[in-house]
Amino acid sequence: MKKQFKAVLYVIAALTVICVIAAIVMLKVVSGDDLFYMDTKLGGFYVASYRWVCLAAAVLVIFWVIFWIIRRPALKAAKAARAAEAAKAANTTNVVGTDNTAKAAGAPVTTPGSPDTSNKIKYCAKCGQPRPADKPFCGHCGAQG
């Protein structure tokens, strides 16, 4: 997310918290006998505005619920993509050379001289390019092995 969008979300979150707290306080003050013993101007303000504050708090809470429902699949997909990329990076760290074609194709990864290289792609010791297992010479640089 962009910085401006995050800043807007932080402001909306702060307004939500303030609105919910104000709605709870105003609703407590308006209900019961406390309203009869309160200052006239302050009591009049609470009576006139507590419904609007409760409505604003409800709208903001509903906004966050809807925002969470909409963003949750996107966040899960991004998390899965990061996990897949990390797993792919962990599998390709032992490759010698700079060729990314074998890495991108998802080919099995080996290092030259590793014990189990019979069914995996072999790489040229000089340039690091993948070479066919049946040919002793590299097709890219011509070096043997």
C-alpha atoms as a PDB file:
ATOM      1  CA  MET A   1       0.000   0.000   0.000  1.00  0.00           C
ATOM      2  CA  LYS A   2       1.088   3.524  -0.612  1.00  0.00           C
ATOM      3  CA  LYS A   3       2.076   5.822   2.228  1.00  0.00           C
ATOM      4  CA  GLN A   4      -0.835   8.207   1.640  1.00  0.00           C
ATOM      5  CA  PHE A   5      -3.349   5.355   1.777  1.00  0.00           C
ATOM      6  CA  LYS A   6      -1.811   4.035   4.981  1.00  0.00           C
ATOM      7  CA  ALA A   7      -1.975   7.514   6.514  1.00  0.00           C
ATOM      8  CA  VAL A   8      -5.667   7.768   5.616  1.00  0.00           C
ATOM      9  CA  LEU A   9      -6.294   4.352   7.178  1.00  0.00           C
ATOM     10  CA  TYR A  10      -4.522   5.433  10.376  1.00  0.00           C
ATOM     11  CA  VAL A  11      -6.672   8.577  10.563  1.00  0.00           C
ATOM     12  CA  ILE A  12      -9.846   6.542  10.015  1.00  0.00           C
ATOM     13  CA  ALA A  13      -8.727   4.065  12.691  1.00  0.00           C
ATOM     14  CA  ALA A  14      -8.142   6.899  15.170  1.00  0.00           C
ATOM     15  CA  LEU A  15     -11.549   8.404  14.352  1.00  0.00           C
ATOM     16  CA  THR A  16     -13.148   4.995  14.861  1.00  0.00           C
ATOM     17  CA  VAL A  17     -11.608   4.595  18.308  1.00  0.00           C
ATOM     18  CA  ILE A  18     -12.547   8.139  19.342  1.00  0.00           C
ATOM     19  CA  CYS A  19     -16.090   7.748  18.001  1.00  0.00           C
ATOM     20  CA  VAL A  20     -16.674   4.426  19.757  1.00  0.00           C
ATOM     21  CA  ILE A  21     -15.392   5.797  23.075  1.00  0.00           C
ATOM     22  CA  ALA A  22     -17.501   8.969  22.710  1.00  0.00           C
ATOM     23  CA  ALA A  23     -20.578   6.898  21.817  1.00  0.00           C
ATOM     24  CA  ILE A  24     -20.152   4.718  24.900  1.00  0.00           C
ATOM     25  CA  VAL A  25     -19.668   7.744  27.182  1.00  0.00           C
ATOM     26  CA  MET A  26     -22.588   9.674  25.669  1.00  0.00           C
ATOM     27  CA  LEU A  27     -24.900   6.679  25.774  1.00  0.00           C
ATOM     28  CA  LYS A  28     -24.079   6.120  29.451  1.00  0.00           C
ATOM     29  CA  VAL A  29     -24.673   9.785  30.271  1.00  0.00           C
ATOM     30  CA  VAL A  30     -27.975  10.007  28.396  1.00  0.00           C
ATOM     31  CA  SER A  31     -29.459   6.842  29.880  1.00  0.00           C
ATOM     32  CA  GLY A  32     -30.671   6.871  33.466  1.00  0.00           C
ATOM     33  CA  ASP A  33     -31.119   9.634  36.015  1.00  0.00           C
ATOM     34  CA  ASP A  34     -27.726  11.289  35.403  1.00  0.00           C
ATOM     35  CA  LEU A  35     -29.259  13.443  32.677  1.00  0.00           C
ATOM     36  CA  PHE A  36     -31.620  15.113  35.181  1.00  0.00           C
ATOM     37  CA  TYR A  37     -28.765  16.291  37.398  1.00  0.00           C
ATOM     38  CA  MET A  38     -26.492  17.486  34.612  1.00  0.00           C
ATOM     39  CA  ASP A  39     -25.808  21.021  33.417  1.00  0.00           C
ATOM     40  CA  THR A  40     -28.509  22.097  30.974  1.00  0.00           C
ATOM     41  CA  LYS A  41     -26.210  23.020  28.087  1.00  0.00           C
ATOM     42  CA  LEU A  42     -24.044  19.919  28.421  1.00  0.00           C
ATOM     43  CA  GLY A  43     -27.092  17.665  28.794  1.00  0.00           C
ATOM     44  CA  GLY A  44     -28.692  19.280  25.760  1.00  0.00           C
ATOM     45  CA  PHE A  45     -25.528  18.645  23.741  1.00  0.00           C
ATOM     46  CA  TYR A  46     -25.435  14.984  24.785  1.00  0.00           C
ATOM     47  CA  VAL A  47     -29.121  14.466  23.986  1.00  0.00           C
ATOM     48  CA  ALA A  48     -28.856  16.148  20.590  1.00  0.00           C
ATOM     49  CA  SER A  49     -25.663  14.439  19.463  1.00  0.00           C
ATOM     50  CA  TYR A  50     -25.463  10.965  21.001  1.00  0.00           C
ATOM     51  CA  ARG A  51     -27.512   9.347  18.232  1.00  0.00           C
ATOM     52  CA  TRP A  52     -25.287  10.829  15.540  1.00  0.00           C
ATOM     53  CA  VAL A  53     -22.136   9.773  17.352  1.00  0.00           C
ATOM     54  CA  CYS A  54     -23.501   6.223  17.755  1.00  0.00           C
ATOM     55  CA  LEU A  55     -24.432   6.167  14.074  1.00  0.00           C
ATOM     56  CA  ALA A  56     -20.963   7.401  13.049  1.00  0.00           C
ATOM     57  CA  ALA A  57     -19.297   4.785  15.270  1.00  0.00           C
ATOM     58  CA  ALA A  58     -21.453   2.031  13.766  1.00  0.00           C
ATOM     59  CA  VAL A  59     -20.669   3.167  10.215  1.00  0.00           C
ATOM     60  CA  LEU A  60     -16.930   3.247  10.944  1.00  0.00           C
ATOM     61  CA  VAL A  61     -16.975  -0.214  12.524  1.00  0.00           C
ATOM     62  CA  ILE A  62     -18.912  -1.574   9.531  1.00  0.00           C
ATOM     63  CA  PHE A  63     -16.342   0.082   7.238  1.00  0.00           C
ATOM     64  CA  TRP A  64     -13.497  -1.785   8.996  1.00  0.00           C
ATOM     65  CA  VAL A  65     -15.350  -5.104   8.808  1.00  0.00           C
ATOM     66  CA  ILE A  66     -15.981  -4.679   5.080  1.00  0.00           C
ATOM     67  CA  PHE A  67     -12.403  -3.496   4.506  1.00  0.00           C
ATOM     68  CA  TRP A  68     -11.081  -6.561   6.337  1.00  0.00           C
ATOM     69  CA  ILE A  69     -13.337  -8.912   4.330  1.00  0.00           C
ATOM     70  CA  ILE A  70     -12.211  -7.360   1.038  1.00  0.00           C
ATOM     71  CA  ARG A  71      -8.488  -7.216   1.868  1.00  0.00           C
ATOM     72  CA  ARG A  72      -8.174 -10.672   3.473  1.00  0.00           C
ATOM     73  CA  PRO A  73      -7.959 -12.732   0.217  1.00  0.00           C
ATOM     74  CA  ALA A  74      -5.451 -10.278  -1.249  1.00  0.00           C
ATOM     75  CA  LEU A  75      -3.299 -10.472   1.885  1.00  0.00           C
ATOM     76  CA  LYS A  76      -3.465 -14.284   1.860  1.00  0.00           C
ATOM     77  CA  ALA A  77      -2.449 -14.370  -1.812  1.00  0.00           C
ATOM     78  CA  ALA A  78       0.458 -11.999  -1.189  1.00  0.00           C
ATOM     79  CA  LYS A  79       1.595 -14.086   1.780  1.00  0.00           C
ATOM     80  CA  ALA A  80       1.427 -17.289  -0.292  1.00  0.00           C
ATOM     81  CA  ALA A  81       3.371 -15.628  -3.117  1.00  0.00           C
ATOM     82  CA  ARG A  82       6.075 -14.494  -0.686  1.00  0.00           C
ATOM     83  CA  ALA A  83       6.283 -17.994   0.791  1.00  0.00           C
ATOM     84  CA  ALA A  84       6.545 -19.580  -2.665  1.00  0.00           C
ATOM     85  CA  GLU A  85       9.211 -17.085  -3.679  1.00  0.00           C
ATOM     86  CA  ALA A  86      11.169 -17.751  -0.497  1.00  0.00           C
ATOM     87  CA  ALA A  87      10.940 -21.508  -1.065  1.00  0.00           C
ATOM     88  CA  LYS A  88      12.052 -21.065  -4.658  1.00  0.00           C
ATOM     89  CA  ALA A  89      14.964 -18.877  -3.556  1.00  0.00           C
ATOM     90  CA  ALA A  90      15.949 -21.470  -0.965  1.00  0.00           C
ATOM     91  CA  ASN A  91      16.020 -24.168  -3.663  1.00  0.00           C
ATOM     92  CA  THR A  92      18.142 -22.142  -6.079  1.00  0.00           C
ATOM     93  CA  THR A  93      20.866 -20.943  -3.734  1.00  0.00           C
ATOM     94  CA  ASN A  94      23.250 -23.823  -4.544  1.00  0.00           C
ATOM     95  CA  VAL A  95      23.290 -23.256  -8.317  1.00  0.00           C
ATOM     96  CA  VAL A  96      26.701 -22.353  -9.712  1.00  0.00           C
ATOM     97  CA  GLY A  97      26.713 -19.722 -12.437  1.00  0.00           C
ATOM     98  CA  THR A  98      24.528 -16.898 -13.614  1.00  0.00           C
ATOM     99  CA  ASP A  99      22.002 -18.682 -15.837  1.00  0.00           C
ATOM    100  CA  ASN A 100      18.484 -18.159 -14.565  1.00  0.00           C
ATOM    101  CA  THR A 101      16.739 -20.367 -17.153  1.00  0.00           C
ATOM    102  CA  ALA A 102      17.109 -23.570 -15.166  1.00  0.00           C
ATOM    103  CA  LYS A 103      16.038 -21.751 -12.002  1.00  0.00           C
ATOM    104  CA  ALA A 104      12.961 -20.265 -13.637  1.00  0.00           C
ATOM    105  CA  ALA A 105      11.933 -23.583 -15.182  1.00  0.00           C
ATOM    106  CA  GLY A 106      11.829 -25.165 -11.749  1.00  0.00           C
ATOM    107  CA  ALA A 107      14.468 -27.736 -12.660  1.00  0.00           C
ATOM    108  CA  PRO A 108      16.080 -29.793  -9.921  1.00  0.00           C
ATOM    109  CA  VAL A 109      19.067 -28.012  -8.474  1.00  0.00           C
ATOM    110  CA  THR A 110      22.498 -29.588  -8.063  1.00  0.00           C
ATOM    111  CA  THR A 111      26.004 -28.444  -7.504  1.00  0.00           C
ATOM    112  CA  PRO A 112      28.911 -29.888  -9.441  1.00  0.00           C
ATOM    113  CA  GLY A 113      30.387 -32.787  -7.517  1.00  0.00           C
ATOM    114  CA  SER A 114      27.339 -33.428  -5.333  1.00  0.00           C
ATOM    115  CA  PRO A 115      26.718 -37.116  -4.584  1.00  0.00           C
ATOM    116  CA  ASP A 116      23.364 -37.545  -6.368  1.00  0.00           C
ATOM    117  CA  THR A 117      23.700 -35.945  -9.811  1.00  0.00           C
ATOM    118  CA  SER A 118      22.580 -38.873 -11.950  1.00  0.00           C
ATOM    119  CA  ASN A 119      19.076 -37.651 -12.784  1.00  0.00           C
ATOM    120  CA  LYS A 120      19.532 -33.924 -12.270  1.00  0.00           C
ATOM    121  CA  ILE A 121      20.745 -31.165 -14.553  1.00  0.00           C
ATOM    122  CA  LYS A 122      24.512 -30.876 -14.753  1.00  0.00           C
ATOM    123  CA  TYR A 123      26.296 -27.563 -14.992  1.00  0.00           C
ATOM    124  CA  CYS A 124      29.504 -26.479 -16.653  1.00  0.00           C
ATOM    125  CA  ALA A 125      32.301 -25.932 -14.140  1.00  0.00           C
ATOM    126  CA  LYS A 126      33.701 -23.000 -16.137  1.00  0.00           C
ATOM    127  CA  CYS A 127      30.661 -20.897 -17.077  1.00  0.00           C
ATOM    128  CA  GLY A 128      27.915 -22.394 -14.916  1.00  0.00           C
ATOM    129  CA  GLN A 129      25.489 -22.925 -17.796  1.00  0.00           C
ATOM    130  CA  PRO A 130      23.323 -26.075 -17.790  1.00  0.00           C
ATOM    131  CA  ARG A 131      24.609 -28.770 -20.132  1.00  0.00           C
ATOM    132  CA  PRO A 132      23.104 -32.026 -21.361  1.00  0.00           C
ATOM    133  CA  ALA A 133      23.965 -34.994 -19.154  1.00  0.00           C
ATOM    134  CA  ASP A 134      24.960 -37.168 -22.130  1.00  0.00           C
ATOM    135  CA  LYS A 135      27.508 -34.699 -23.562  1.00  0.00           C
ATOM    136  CA  PRO A 136      30.874 -34.162 -21.856  1.00  0.00           C
ATOM    137  CA  PHE A 137      31.388 -30.686 -23.378  1.00  0.00           C
ATOM    138  CA  CYS A 138      29.533 -27.461 -22.619  1.00  0.00           C
ATOM    139  CA  GLY A 139      27.514 -26.152 -25.564  1.00  0.00           C
ATOM    140  CA  HIS A 140      28.018 -22.573 -24.414  1.00  0.00           C
ATOM    141  CA  CYS A 141      31.748 -22.233 -23.774  1.00  0.00           C
ATOM    142  CA  GLY A 142      33.089 -25.569 -25.083  1.00  0.00           C
ATOM    143  CA  ALA A 143      34.815 -26.527 -21.839  1.00  0.00           C
ATOM    144  CA  GLN A 144      34.861 -30.133 -20.729  1.00  0.00           C
ATOM    145  CA  GLY A 145      32.906 -31.056 -17.595  1.00  0.00           C
END
